[in-house]
């Protein structure tokens, strides 16, 4: 993000009980980086959990997803553009993940240059 010329702040509150992983204050963009296991990535989180704590894990992921949806809605209601990025997307192609954030900032402020 810094290489793109975007300045950000880590762990900032964007709404009551809602803290983004990082924000671009100038563009009012809030970015949430969701861990594949903990937030239920469709590509990497198991569909079925096994073992004695299977029900616990299933419920934990469901609660996290509900909170993610609530946080997205709360941040948007507070005037932030929300970008959610999966952990695997960053590992696979960090430039493409940064480009998602850049596109959101670009929607707010039309004069940003694309990633080279």
PDB file of N, CA and C in Angstrom:
ATOM      1  N   UNK A   1       0.826  -1.179   0.000  1.00  0.00           N
ATOM      2  CA  UNK A   1       0.000   0.000   0.000  1.00  0.00           C
ATOM      3  C   UNK A   1       0.879   1.255   0.000  1.00  0.00           C
ATOM      4  N   UNK A   2       1.924   1.191   0.802  1.00  0.00           N
ATOM      5  CA  UNK A   2       2.810   2.351   0.889  1.00  0.00           C
ATOM      6  C   UNK A   2       3.491   2.613  -0.449  1.00  0.00           C
ATOM      7  N   UNK A   3       3.866   1.547  -1.138  1.00  0.00           N
ATOM      8  CA  UNK A   3       4.518   1.684  -2.439  1.00  0.00           C
ATOM      9  C   UNK A   3       3.588   2.334  -3.455  1.00  0.00           C
ATOM     10  N   UNK A   4       2.284   2.151  -3.273  1.00  0.00           N
ATOM     11  CA  UNK A   4       1.304   2.766  -4.168  1.00  0.00           C
ATOM     12  C   UNK A   4       1.064   4.231  -3.848  1.00  0.00           C
ATOM     13  N   UNK A   5       1.676   4.705  -2.781  1.00  0.00           N
ATOM     14  CA  UNK A   5       1.488   6.097  -2.389  1.00  0.00           C
ATOM     15  C   UNK A   5       0.319   6.299  -1.448  1.00  0.00           C
ATOM     16  N   UNK A   6      -0.249   5.208  -0.963  1.00  0.00           N
ATOM     17  CA  UNK A   6      -1.387   5.293  -0.047  1.00  0.00           C
ATOM     18  C   UNK A   6      -0.900   5.206   1.394  1.00  0.00           C
ATOM     19  N   UNK A   7      -1.312   6.156   2.192  1.00  0.00           N
ATOM     20  CA  UNK A   7      -0.933   6.172   3.602  1.00  0.00           C
ATOM     21  C   UNK A   7      -2.077   5.598   4.417  1.00  0.00           C
ATOM     22  N   UNK A   8      -1.737   4.762   5.367  1.00  0.00           N
ATOM     23  CA  UNK A   8      -2.764   4.062   6.119  1.00  0.00           C
ATOM     24  C   UNK A   8      -2.455   4.076   7.606  1.00  0.00           C
ATOM     25  N   UNK A   9      -3.452   3.736   8.372  1.00  0.00           N
ATOM     26  CA  UNK A   9      -3.325   3.595   9.819  1.00  0.00           C
ATOM     27  C   UNK A   9      -3.828   2.208  10.187  1.00  0.00           C
ATOM     28  N   UNK A  10      -3.134   1.560  11.107  1.00  0.00           N
ATOM     29  CA  UNK A  10      -3.509   0.212  11.528  1.00  0.00           C
ATOM     30  C   UNK A  10      -4.494   0.234  12.682  1.00  0.00           C
ATOM     31  N   UNK A  11      -5.359  -0.768  12.707  1.00  0.00           N
ATOM     32  CA  UNK A  11      -6.275  -1.012  13.821  1.00  0.00           C
ATOM     33  C   UNK A  11      -7.006   0.252  14.271  1.00  0.00           C
ATOM     34  N   UNK A  12      -7.855   0.780  13.396  1.00  0.00           N
ATOM     35  CA  UNK A  12      -8.610   1.997  13.720  1.00  0.00           C
ATOM     36  C   UNK A  12     -10.094   1.686  13.820  1.00  0.00           C
ATOM     37  N   UNK A  13     -10.729   2.304  14.787  1.00  0.00           N
ATOM     38  CA  UNK A  13     -12.176   2.162  14.962  1.00  0.00           C
ATOM     39  C   UNK A  13     -12.873   2.974  13.875  1.00  0.00           C
ATOM     40  N   UNK A  14     -13.793   2.325  13.179  1.00  0.00           N
ATOM     41  CA  UNK A  14     -14.531   2.996  12.108  1.00  0.00           C
ATOM     42  C   UNK A  14     -16.011   3.141  12.438  1.00  0.00           C
ATOM     43  N   UNK A  15     -16.454   2.458  13.471  1.00  0.00           N
ATOM     44  CA  UNK A  15     -17.832   2.539  13.964  1.00  0.00           C
ATOM     45  C   UNK A  15     -17.803   1.968  15.381  1.00  0.00           C
ATOM     46  N   UNK A  16     -18.845   2.205  16.164  1.00  0.00           N
ATOM     47  CA  UNK A  16     -18.860   1.615  17.505  1.00  0.00           C
ATOM     48  C   UNK A  16     -18.696   0.092  17.440  1.00  0.00           C
ATOM     49  N   UNK A  17     -17.802  -0.426  18.240  1.00  0.00           N
ATOM     50  CA  UNK A  17     -17.507  -1.858  18.309  1.00  0.00           C
ATOM     51  C   UNK A  17     -17.035  -2.433  16.982  1.00  0.00           C
ATOM     52  N   UNK A  18     -16.406  -1.631  16.147  1.00  0.00           N
ATOM     53  CA  UNK A  18     -15.961  -2.072  14.821  1.00  0.00           C
ATOM     54  C   UNK A  18     -14.593  -1.472  14.516  1.00  0.00           C
ATOM     55  N   UNK A  19     -13.568  -2.304  14.558  1.00  0.00           N
ATOM     56  CA  UNK A  19     -12.202  -1.869  14.280  1.00  0.00           C
ATOM     57  C   UNK A  19     -11.708  -2.537  13.010  1.00  0.00           C
ATOM     58  N   UNK A  20     -11.304  -1.724  12.043  1.00  0.00           N
ATOM     59  CA  UNK A  20     -10.764  -2.246  10.787  1.00  0.00           C
ATOM     60  C   UNK A  20      -9.293  -2.606  10.987  1.00  0.00           C
ATOM     61  N   UNK A  21      -8.809  -3.541  10.173  1.00  0.00           N
ATOM     62  CA  UNK A  21      -7.400  -3.920  10.252  1.00  0.00           C
ATOM     63  C   UNK A  21      -6.507  -2.756   9.843  1.00  0.00           C
ATOM     64  N   UNK A  22      -6.900  -2.047   8.803  1.00  0.00           N
ATOM     65  CA  UNK A  22      -6.250  -0.779   8.499  1.00  0.00           C
ATOM     66  C   UNK A  22      -7.201   0.103   7.714  1.00  0.00           C
ATOM     67  N   UNK A  23      -6.949   1.394   7.783  1.00  0.00           N
ATOM     68  CA  UNK A  23      -7.806   2.364   7.096  1.00  0.00           C
ATOM     69  C   UNK A  23      -6.951   3.328   6.289  1.00  0.00           C
ATOM     70  N   UNK A  24      -7.564   3.837   5.239  1.00  0.00           N
ATOM     71  CA  UNK A  24      -6.991   4.933   4.470  1.00  0.00           C
ATOM     72  C   UNK A  24      -7.845   6.141   4.819  1.00  0.00           C
ATOM     73  N   UNK A  25      -7.456   6.911   5.833  1.00  0.00           N
ATOM     74  CA  UNK A  25      -8.322   7.984   6.320  1.00  0.00           C
ATOM     75  C   UNK A  25      -8.676   9.025   5.258  1.00  0.00           C
ATOM     76  N   UNK A  26      -7.738   9.339   4.408  1.00  0.00           N
ATOM     77  CA  UNK A  26      -7.969  10.363   3.390  1.00  0.00           C
ATOM     78  C   UNK A  26      -9.104   9.974   2.449  1.00  0.00           C
ATOM     79  N   UNK A  27      -9.245   8.683   2.190  1.00  0.00           N
ATOM     80  CA  UNK A  27     -10.241   8.195   1.240  1.00  0.00           C
ATOM     81  C   UNK A  27     -11.435   7.535   1.923  1.00  0.00           C
ATOM     82  N   UNK A  28     -11.426   7.476   3.241  1.00  0.00           N
ATOM     83  CA  UNK A  28     -12.493   6.833   4.022  1.00  0.00           C
ATOM     84  C   UNK A  28     -12.700   5.383   3.588  1.00  0.00           C
ATOM     85  N   UNK A  29     -11.584   4.661   3.427  1.00  0.00           N
ATOM     86  CA  UNK A  29     -11.613   3.239   3.082  1.00  0.00           C
ATOM     87  C   UNK A  29     -11.176   2.447   4.302  1.00  0.00           C
ATOM     88  N   UNK A  30     -12.009   1.487   4.694  1.00  0.00           N
ATOM     89  CA  UNK A  30     -11.708   0.590   5.815  1.00  0.00           C
ATOM     90  C   UNK A  30     -11.459  -0.797   5.251  1.00  0.00           C
ATOM     91  N   UNK A  31     -10.318  -1.385   5.607  1.00  0.00           N
ATOM     92  CA  UNK A  31      -9.936  -2.687   5.073  1.00  0.00           C
ATOM     93  C   UNK A  31      -9.935  -3.717   6.199  1.00  0.00           C
ATOM     94  N   UNK A  32     -10.617  -4.822   5.936  1.00  0.00           N
ATOM     95  CA  UNK A  32     -10.644  -5.947   6.863  1.00  0.00           C
ATOM     96  C   UNK A  32      -9.966  -7.118   6.167  1.00  0.00           C
ATOM     97  N   UNK A  33      -8.939  -7.676   6.802  1.00  0.00           N
ATOM     98  CA  UNK A  33      -8.256  -8.848   6.276  1.00  0.00           C
ATOM     99  C   UNK A  33      -8.783 -10.048   7.058  1.00  0.00           C
ATOM    100  N   UNK A  34      -9.506 -10.917   6.367  1.00  0.00           N
ATOM    101  CA  UNK A  34     -10.145 -12.054   7.008  1.00  0.00           C
ATOM    102  C   UNK A  34      -9.282 -13.305   6.882  1.00  0.00           C
ATOM    103  N   UNK A  35      -8.950 -13.896   8.012  1.00  0.00           N
ATOM    104  CA  UNK A  35      -8.207 -15.154   8.032  1.00  0.00           C
ATOM    105  C   UNK A  35      -9.072 -16.270   7.473  1.00  0.00           C
ATOM    106  N   UNK A  36      -8.485 -17.121   6.654  1.00  0.00           N
ATOM    107  CA  UNK A  36      -9.249 -18.157   5.964  1.00  0.00           C
ATOM    108  C   UNK A  36      -9.983 -19.083   6.933  1.00  0.00           C
ATOM    109  N   UNK A  37      -9.319 -19.572   7.944  1.00  0.00           N
ATOM    110  CA  UNK A  37      -9.973 -20.498   8.864  1.00  0.00           C
ATOM    111  C   UNK A  37     -11.003 -19.790   9.729  1.00  0.00           C
ATOM    112  N   UNK A  38     -10.606 -18.723  10.373  1.00  0.00           N
ATOM    113  CA  UNK A  38     -11.457 -18.078  11.373  1.00  0.00           C
ATOM    114  C   UNK A  38     -12.678 -17.388  10.805  1.00  0.00           C
ATOM    115  N   UNK A  39     -12.624 -17.015   9.533  1.00  0.00           N
ATOM    116  CA  UNK A  39     -13.742 -16.281   8.943  1.00  0.00           C
ATOM    117  C   UNK A  39     -14.478 -17.086   7.877  1.00  0.00           C
ATOM    118  N   UNK A  40     -14.085 -18.329   7.679  1.00  0.00           N
ATOM    119  CA  UNK A  40     -14.832 -19.221   6.796  1.00  0.00           C
ATOM    120  C   UNK A  40     -14.612 -19.012   5.317  1.00  0.00           C
ATOM    121  N   UNK A  41     -13.373 -18.905   4.904  1.00  0.00           N
ATOM    122  CA  UNK A  41     -13.059 -18.775   3.475  1.00  0.00           C
ATOM    123  C   UNK A  41     -13.691 -19.939   2.716  1.00  0.00           C
ATOM    124  N   UNK A  42     -14.432 -19.646   1.651  1.00  0.00           N
ATOM    125  CA  UNK A  42     -15.075 -20.733   0.901  1.00  0.00           C
ATOM    126  C   UNK A  42     -14.074 -21.687   0.265  1.00  0.00           C
ATOM    127  N   UNK A  43     -12.854 -21.217   0.063  1.00  0.00           N
ATOM    128  CA  UNK A  43     -11.831 -22.040  -0.577  1.00  0.00           C
ATOM    129  C   UNK A  43     -11.036 -22.873   0.434  1.00  0.00           C
ATOM    130  N   UNK A  44     -10.835 -22.364   1.645  1.00  0.00           N
ATOM    131  CA  UNK A  44      -9.922 -23.017   2.577  1.00  0.00           C
ATOM    132  C   UNK A  44     -10.515 -23.481   3.900  1.00  0.00           C
ATOM    133  N   UNK A  45     -11.659 -23.006   4.270  1.00  0.00           N
ATOM    134  CA  UNK A  45     -12.272 -23.429   5.530  1.00  0.00           C
ATOM    135  C   UNK A  45     -13.058 -24.715   5.278  1.00  0.00           C
ATOM    136  N   UNK A  46     -12.918 -25.694   6.142  1.00  0.00           N
ATOM    137  CA  UNK A  46     -13.638 -26.954   5.912  1.00  0.00           C
ATOM    138  C   UNK A  46     -15.155 -26.766   5.970  1.00  0.00           C
ATOM    139  N   UNK A  47     -15.853 -27.530   5.148  1.00  0.00           N
ATOM    140  CA  UNK A  47     -17.319 -27.518   5.171  1.00  0.00           C
ATOM    141  C   UNK A  47     -17.839 -28.264   6.391  1.00  0.00           C
ATOM    142  N   UNK A  48     -17.143 -29.305   6.747  1.00  0.00           N
ATOM    143  CA  UNK A  48     -17.520 -30.141   7.895  1.00  0.00           C
ATOM    144  C   UNK A  48     -16.353 -30.203   8.862  1.00  0.00           C
ATOM    145  N   UNK A  49     -16.660 -30.022  10.128  1.00  0.00           N
ATOM    146  CA  UNK A  49     -15.645 -30.164  11.165  1.00  0.00           C
ATOM    147  C   UNK A  49     -15.803 -31.538  11.797  1.00  0.00           C
ATOM    148  N   UNK A  50     -14.698 -32.135  12.206  1.00  0.00           N
ATOM    149  CA  UNK A  50     -14.728 -33.453  12.820  1.00  0.00           C
ATOM    150  C   UNK A  50     -14.175 -33.378  14.230  1.00  0.00           C
ATOM    151  N   UNK A  51     -14.489 -34.379  15.002  1.00  0.00           N
ATOM    152  CA  UNK A  51     -13.935 -34.468  16.343  1.00  0.00           C
ATOM    153  C   UNK A  51     -14.917 -34.002  17.397  1.00  0.00           C
ATOM    154  N   UNK A  52     -14.455 -34.046  18.639  1.00  0.00           N
ATOM    155  CA  UNK A  52     -15.353 -33.743  19.756  1.00  0.00           C
ATOM    156  C   UNK A  52     -15.811 -32.288  19.811  1.00  0.00           C
ATOM    157  N   UNK A  53     -15.068 -31.372  19.197  1.00  0.00           N
ATOM    158  CA  UNK A  53     -15.430 -29.954  19.229  1.00  0.00           C
ATOM    159  C   UNK A  53     -15.988 -29.453  17.899  1.00  0.00           C
ATOM    160  N   UNK A  54     -16.472 -30.364  17.058  1.00  0.00           N
ATOM    161  CA  UNK A  54     -16.962 -29.987  15.724  1.00  0.00           C
ATOM    162  C   UNK A  54     -18.066 -28.942  15.798  1.00  0.00           C
ATOM    163  N   UNK A  55     -19.019 -29.142  16.686  1.00  0.00           N
ATOM    164  CA  UNK A  55     -20.131 -28.186  16.796  1.00  0.00           C
ATOM    165  C   UNK A  55     -19.632 -26.820  17.263  1.00  0.00           C
ATOM    166  N   UNK A  56     -18.670 -26.816  18.168  1.00  0.00           N
ATOM    167  CA  UNK A  56     -18.095 -25.561  18.659  1.00  0.00           C
ATOM    168  C   UNK A  56     -17.449 -24.775  17.523  1.00  0.00           C
ATOM    169  N   UNK A  57     -16.651 -25.448  16.700  1.00  0.00           N
ATOM    170  CA  UNK A  57     -15.969 -24.765  15.602  1.00  0.00           C
ATOM    171  C   UNK A  57     -16.955 -24.257  14.565  1.00  0.00           C
ATOM    172  N   UNK A  58     -17.947 -25.061  14.258  1.00  0.00           N
ATOM    173  CA  UNK A  58     -18.956 -24.640  13.288  1.00  0.00           C
ATOM    174  C   UNK A  58     -19.664 -23.375  13.765  1.00  0.00           C
ATOM    175  N   UNK A  59     -20.029 -23.366  15.045  1.00  0.00           N
ATOM    176  CA  UNK A  59     -20.706 -22.187  15.594  1.00  0.00           C
ATOM    177  C   UNK A  59     -19.757 -20.984  15.646  1.00  0.00           C
ATOM    178  N   UNK A  60     -18.497 -21.203  16.011  1.00  0.00           N
ATOM    179  CA  UNK A  60     -17.511 -20.115  16.092  1.00  0.00           C
ATOM    180  C   UNK A  60     -17.364 -19.419  14.741  1.00  0.00           C
ATOM    181  N   UNK A  61     -17.254 -20.198  13.672  1.00  0.00           N
ATOM    182  CA  UNK A  61     -17.112 -19.624  12.327  1.00  0.00           C
ATOM    183  C   UNK A  61     -18.388 -18.870  11.945  1.00  0.00           C
ATOM    184  N   UNK A  62     -19.545 -19.445  12.273  1.00  0.00           N
ATOM    185  CA  UNK A  62     -20.821 -18.783  11.963  1.00  0.00           C
ATOM    186  C   UNK A  62     -20.942 -17.445  12.697  1.00  0.00           C
ATOM    187  N   UNK A  63     -20.549 -17.409  13.960  1.00  0.00           N
ATOM    188  CA  UNK A  63     -20.599 -16.164  14.742  1.00  0.00           C
ATOM    189  C   UNK A  63     -19.638 -15.133  14.146  1.00  0.00           C
ATOM    190  N   UNK A  64     -18.452 -15.583  13.757  1.00  0.00           N
ATOM    191  CA  UNK A  64     -17.492 -14.661  13.132  1.00  0.00           C
ATOM    192  C   UNK A  64     -18.052 -14.078  11.840  1.00  0.00           C
ATOM    193  N   UNK A  65     -18.694 -14.905  11.026  1.00  0.00           N
ATOM    194  CA  UNK A  65     -19.266 -14.422   9.768  1.00  0.00           C
ATOM    195  C   UNK A  65     -20.384 -13.419  10.022  1.00  0.00           C
ATOM    196  N   UNK A  66     -21.213 -13.693  11.022  1.00  0.00           N
ATOM    197  CA  UNK A  66     -22.276 -12.746  11.371  1.00  0.00           C
ATOM    198  C   UNK A  66     -21.684 -11.409  11.804  1.00  0.00           C
ATOM    199  N   UNK A  67     -20.648 -11.458  12.632  1.00  0.00           N
ATOM    200  CA  UNK A  67     -19.988 -10.235  13.089  1.00  0.00           C
ATOM    201  C   UNK A  67     -19.357  -9.499  11.917  1.00  0.00           C
ATOM    202  N   UNK A  68     -18.759 -10.236  10.968  1.00  0.00           N
ATOM    203  CA  UNK A  68     -18.165  -9.608   9.784  1.00  0.00           C
ATOM    204  C   UNK A  68     -19.221  -8.831   9.002  1.00  0.00           C
ATOM    205  N   UNK A  69     -20.380  -9.450   8.819  1.00  0.00           N
ATOM    206  CA  UNK A  69     -21.466  -8.775   8.100  1.00  0.00           C
ATOM    207  C   UNK A  69     -21.942  -7.536   8.832  1.00  0.00           C
ATOM    208  N   UNK A  70     -22.066  -7.646  10.146  1.00  0.00           N
ATOM    209  CA  UNK A  70     -22.494  -6.509  10.973  1.00  0.00           C
ATOM    210  C   UNK A  70     -21.452  -5.393  10.910  1.00  0.00           C
ATOM    211  N   UNK A  71     -20.171  -5.746  10.999  1.00  0.00           N
ATOM    212  CA  UNK A  71     -19.110  -4.735  10.941  1.00  0.00           C
ATOM    213  C   UNK A  71     -19.067  -4.036   9.581  1.00  0.00           C
ATOM    214  N   UNK A  72     -19.267  -4.802   8.525  1.00  0.00           N
ATOM    215  CA  UNK A  72     -19.297  -4.206   7.186  1.00  0.00           C
ATOM    216  C   UNK A  72     -20.438  -3.202   7.093  1.00  0.00           C
ATOM    217  N   UNK A  73     -21.617  -3.604   7.556  1.00  0.00           N
ATOM    218  CA  UNK A  73     -22.784  -2.711   7.504  1.00  0.00           C
ATOM    219  C   UNK A  73     -22.583  -1.478   8.379  1.00  0.00           C
ATOM    220  N   UNK A  74     -22.035  -1.659   9.583  1.00  0.00           N
ATOM    221  CA  UNK A  74     -21.821  -0.533  10.494  1.00  0.00           C
ATOM    222  C   UNK A  74     -20.803   0.461   9.930  1.00  0.00           C
ATOM    223  N   UNK A  75     -19.710  -0.066   9.374  1.00  0.00           N
ATOM    224  CA  UNK A  75     -18.689   0.813   8.804  1.00  0.00           C
ATOM    225  C   UNK A  75     -19.240   1.575   7.602  1.00  0.00           C
ATOM    226  N   UNK A  76     -19.999   0.898   6.762  1.00  0.00           N
ATOM    227  CA  UNK A  76     -20.605   1.562   5.596  1.00  0.00           C
ATOM    228  C   UNK A  76     -21.596   2.632   6.052  1.00  0.00           C
ATOM    229  N   UNK A  77     -22.370   2.334   7.079  1.00  0.00           N
ATOM    230  CA  UNK A  77     -23.335   3.312   7.601  1.00  0.00           C
ATOM    231  C   UNK A  77     -22.626   4.530   8.185  1.00  0.00           C
ATOM    232  N   UNK A  78     -21.391   4.328   8.664  1.00  0.00           N
ATOM    233  CA  UNK A  78     -20.614   5.428   9.221  1.00  0.00           C
ATOM    234  C   UNK A  78     -19.867   6.204   8.135  1.00  0.00           C
ATOM    235  N   UNK A  79     -20.082   5.842   6.874  1.00  0.00           N
ATOM    236  CA  UNK A  79     -19.482   6.599   5.775  1.00  0.00           C
ATOM    237  C   UNK A  79     -18.189   6.047   5.233  1.00  0.00           C
ATOM    238  N   UNK A  80     -17.824   4.829   5.597  1.00  0.00           N
ATOM    239  CA  UNK A  80     -16.592   4.211   5.114  1.00  0.00           C
ATOM    240  C   UNK A  80     -16.896   3.304   3.931  1.00  0.00           C
ATOM    241  N   UNK A  81     -15.994   3.270   2.972  1.00  0.00           N
ATOM    242  CA  UNK A  81     -16.034   2.262   1.929  1.00  0.00           C
ATOM    243  C   UNK A  81     -15.301   1.054   2.489  1.00  0.00           C
ATOM    244  N   UNK A  82     -15.936  -0.099   2.468  1.00  0.00           N
ATOM    245  CA  UNK A  82     -15.368  -1.287   3.091  1.00  0.00           C
ATOM    246  C   UNK A  82     -14.797  -2.217   2.030  1.00  0.00           C
ATOM    247  N   UNK A  83     -13.569  -2.676   2.286  1.00  0.00           N
ATOM    248  CA  UNK A  83     -12.921  -3.685   1.446  1.00  0.00           C
ATOM    249  C   UNK A  83     -12.606  -4.861   2.351  1.00  0.00           C
ATOM    250  N   UNK A  84     -13.043  -6.051   1.957  1.00  0.00           N
ATOM    251  CA  UNK A  84     -12.734  -7.269   2.699  1.00  0.00           C
ATOM    252  C   UNK A  84     -11.829  -8.111   1.808  1.00  0.00           C
ATOM    253  N   UNK A  85     -10.689  -8.534   2.351  1.00  0.00           N
ATOM    254  CA  UNK A  85      -9.708  -9.310   1.603  1.00  0.00           C
ATOM    255  C   UNK A  85      -9.420 -10.583   2.379  1.00  0.00           C
ATOM    256  N   UNK A  86      -9.431 -11.717   1.694  1.00  0.00           N
ATOM    257  CA  UNK A  86      -9.079 -12.979   2.337  1.00  0.00           C
ATOM    258  C   UNK A  86      -7.573 -13.084   2.508  1.00  0.00           C
ATOM    259  N   UNK A  87      -7.173 -13.722   3.576  1.00  0.00           N
ATOM    260  CA  UNK A  87      -5.755 -13.989   3.847  1.00  0.00           C
ATOM    261  C   UNK A  87      -5.104 -14.691   2.652  1.00  0.00           C
ATOM    262  N   UNK A  88      -5.806 -15.657   2.053  1.00  0.00           N
ATOM    263  CA  UNK A  88      -5.238 -16.406   0.932  1.00  0.00           C
ATOM    264  C   UNK A  88      -5.023 -15.522  -0.300  1.00  0.00           C
ATOM    265  N   UNK A  89      -5.855 -14.499  -0.472  1.00  0.00           N
ATOM    266  CA  UNK A  89      -5.683 -13.589  -1.602  1.00  0.00           C
ATOM    267  C   UNK A  89      -4.377 -12.812  -1.461  1.00  0.00           C
ATOM    268  N   UNK A  90      -4.074 -12.414  -0.238  1.00  0.00           N
ATOM    269  CA  UNK A  90      -2.837 -11.666   0.007  1.00  0.00           C
ATOM    270  C   UNK A  90      -1.627 -12.559  -0.198  1.00  0.00           C
ATOM    271  N   UNK A  91      -1.713 -13.797   0.293  1.00  0.00           N
ATOM    272  CA  UNK A  91      -0.593 -14.735   0.117  1.00  0.00           C
ATOM    273  C   UNK A  91      -0.371 -15.071  -1.360  1.00  0.00           C
ATOM    274  N   UNK A  92      -1.466 -15.238  -2.086  1.00  0.00           N
ATOM    275  CA  UNK A  92      -1.385 -15.639  -3.490  1.00  0.00           C
ATOM    276  C   UNK A  92      -0.864 -14.504  -4.372  1.00  0.00           C
ATOM    277  N   UNK A  93      -1.395 -13.301  -4.176  1.00  0.00           N
ATOM    278  CA  UNK A  93      -1.024 -12.182  -5.043  1.00  0.00           C
ATOM    279  C   UNK A  93      -1.205 -10.861  -4.287  1.00  0.00           C
ATOM    280  N   UNK A  94      -0.176 -10.448  -3.534  1.00  0.00           N
ATOM    281  CA  UNK A  94      -0.309  -9.229  -2.745  1.00  0.00           C
ATOM    282  C   UNK A  94      -0.585  -7.985  -3.592  1.00  0.00           C
ATOM    283  N   UNK A  95      -0.057  -7.937  -4.811  1.00  0.00           N
ATOM    284  CA  UNK A  95      -0.308  -6.775  -5.668  1.00  0.00           C
ATOM    285  C   UNK A  95      -1.777  -6.689  -6.064  1.00  0.00           C
ATOM    286  N   UNK A  96      -2.394  -7.829  -6.355  1.00  0.00           N
ATOM    287  CA  UNK A  96      -3.816  -7.825  -6.710  1.00  0.00           C
ATOM    288  C   UNK A  96      -4.670  -7.416  -5.513  1.00  0.00           C
ATOM    289  N   UNK A  97      -4.285  -7.874  -4.326  1.00  0.00           N
ATOM    290  CA  UNK A  97      -5.021  -7.490  -3.116  1.00  0.00           C
ATOM    291  C   UNK A  97      -4.891  -5.982  -2.888  1.00  0.00           C
ATOM    292  N   UNK A  98      -3.694  -5.460  -3.076  1.00  0.00           N
ATOM    293  CA  UNK A  98      -3.484  -4.016  -2.928  1.00  0.00           C
ATOM    294  C   UNK A  98      -4.280  -3.253  -3.976  1.00  0.00           C
ATOM    295  N   UNK A  99      -4.405  -3.843  -5.150  1.00  0.00           N
ATOM    296  CA  UNK A  99      -5.163  -3.194  -6.223  1.00  0.00           C
ATOM    297  C   UNK A  99      -6.642  -3.076  -5.860  1.00  0.00           C
ATOM    298  N   UNK A 100      -7.178  -4.047  -5.122  1.00  0.00           N
ATOM    299  CA  UNK A 100      -8.568  -3.960  -4.667  1.00  0.00           C
ATOM    300  C   UNK A 100      -8.755  -2.729  -3.780  1.00  0.00           C
ATOM    301  N   UNK A 101      -7.803  -2.527  -2.882  1.00  0.00           N
ATOM    302  CA  UNK A 101      -7.877  -1.377  -1.983  1.00  0.00           C
ATOM    303  C   UNK A 101      -7.699  -0.092  -2.781  1.00  0.00           C
ATOM    304  N   UNK A 102      -6.769  -0.115  -3.721  1.00  0.00           N
ATOM    305  CA  UNK A 102      -6.535   1.050  -4.576  1.00  0.00           C
ATOM    306  C   UNK A 102      -7.791   1.405  -5.362  1.00  0.00           C
ATOM    307  N   UNK A 103      -8.502   0.401  -5.860  1.00  0.00           N
ATOM    308  CA  UNK A 103      -9.732   0.653  -6.621  1.00  0.00           C
ATOM    309  C   UNK A 103     -10.788   1.317  -5.740  1.00  0.00           C
ATOM    310  N   UNK A 104     -10.885   0.887  -4.500  1.00  0.00           N
ATOM    311  CA  UNK A 104     -11.853   1.504  -3.580  1.00  0.00           C
ATOM    312  C   UNK A 104     -11.480   2.955  -3.309  1.00  0.00           C
ATOM    313  N   UNK A 105     -10.187   3.225  -3.129  1.00  0.00           N
ATOM    314  CA  UNK A 105      -9.740   4.594  -2.913  1.00  0.00           C
ATOM    315  C   UNK A 105      -9.969   5.422  -4.177  1.00  0.00           C
ATOM    316  N   UNK A 106      -9.769   4.792  -5.323  1.00  0.00           N
ATOM    317  CA  UNK A 106      -9.964   5.470  -6.609  1.00  0.00           C
ATOM    318  C   UNK A 106     -11.415   5.895  -6.796  1.00  0.00           C
ATOM    319  N   UNK A 107     -12.352   5.059  -6.343  1.00  0.00           N
ATOM    320  CA  UNK A 107     -13.768   5.424  -6.444  1.00  0.00           C
ATOM    321  C   UNK A 107     -14.055   6.690  -5.648  1.00  0.00           C
ATOM    322  N   UNK A 108     -13.341   6.848  -4.537  1.00  0.00           N
ATOM    323  CA  UNK A 108     -13.533   8.025  -3.686  1.00  0.00           C
ATOM    324  C   UNK A 108     -12.853   9.262  -4.270  1.00  0.00           C
ATOM    325  N   UNK A 109     -11.700   9.035  -4.882  1.00  0.00           N
ATOM    326  CA  UNK A 109     -10.866  10.136  -5.357  1.00  0.00           C
ATOM    327  C   UNK A 109     -10.322   9.747  -6.720  1.00  0.00           C
ATOM    328  N   UNK A 110     -10.849  10.285  -7.791  1.00  0.00           N
ATOM    329  CA  UNK A 110     -10.592   9.818  -9.145  1.00  0.00           C
ATOM    330  C   UNK A 110      -9.207   9.994  -9.733  1.00  0.00           C
ATOM    331  N   UNK A 111      -8.240  10.566  -9.016  1.00  0.00           N
ATOM    332  CA  UNK A 111      -6.967  10.874  -9.658  1.00  0.00           C
ATOM    333  C   UNK A 111      -5.826   9.930  -9.262  1.00  0.00           C
ATOM    334  N   UNK A 112      -6.128   8.793  -8.683  1.00  0.00           N
ATOM    335  CA  UNK A 112      -5.066   7.868  -8.297  1.00  0.00           C
ATOM    336  C   UNK A 112      -4.552   7.102  -9.507  1.00  0.00           C
ATOM    337  N   UNK A 113      -3.270   6.795  -9.511  1.00  0.00           N
ATOM    338  CA  UNK A 113      -2.680   6.031 -10.592  1.00  0.00           C
ATOM    339  C   UNK A 113      -2.767   4.538 -10.266  1.00  0.00           C
ATOM    340  N   UNK A 114      -3.014   3.673 -11.288  1.00  0.00           N
ATOM    341  CA  UNK A 114      -3.087   2.236 -11.042  1.00  0.00           C
ATOM    342  C   UNK A 114      -1.720   1.646 -10.724  1.00  0.00           C
ATOM    343  N   UNK A 115      -1.735   0.483 -10.091  1.00  0.00           N
ATOM    344  CA  UNK A 115      -0.510  -0.239  -9.775  1.00  0.00           C
ATOM    345  C   UNK A 115       0.179  -0.658 -11.066  1.00  0.00           C
ATOM    346  N   UNK A 116       1.496  -0.485 -11.119  1.00  0.00           N
ATOM    347  CA  UNK A 116       2.253  -0.866 -12.313  1.00  0.00           C
ATOM    348  C   UNK A 116       2.674  -2.297 -12.232  1.00  0.00           C
TER     349      UNK A 116
END
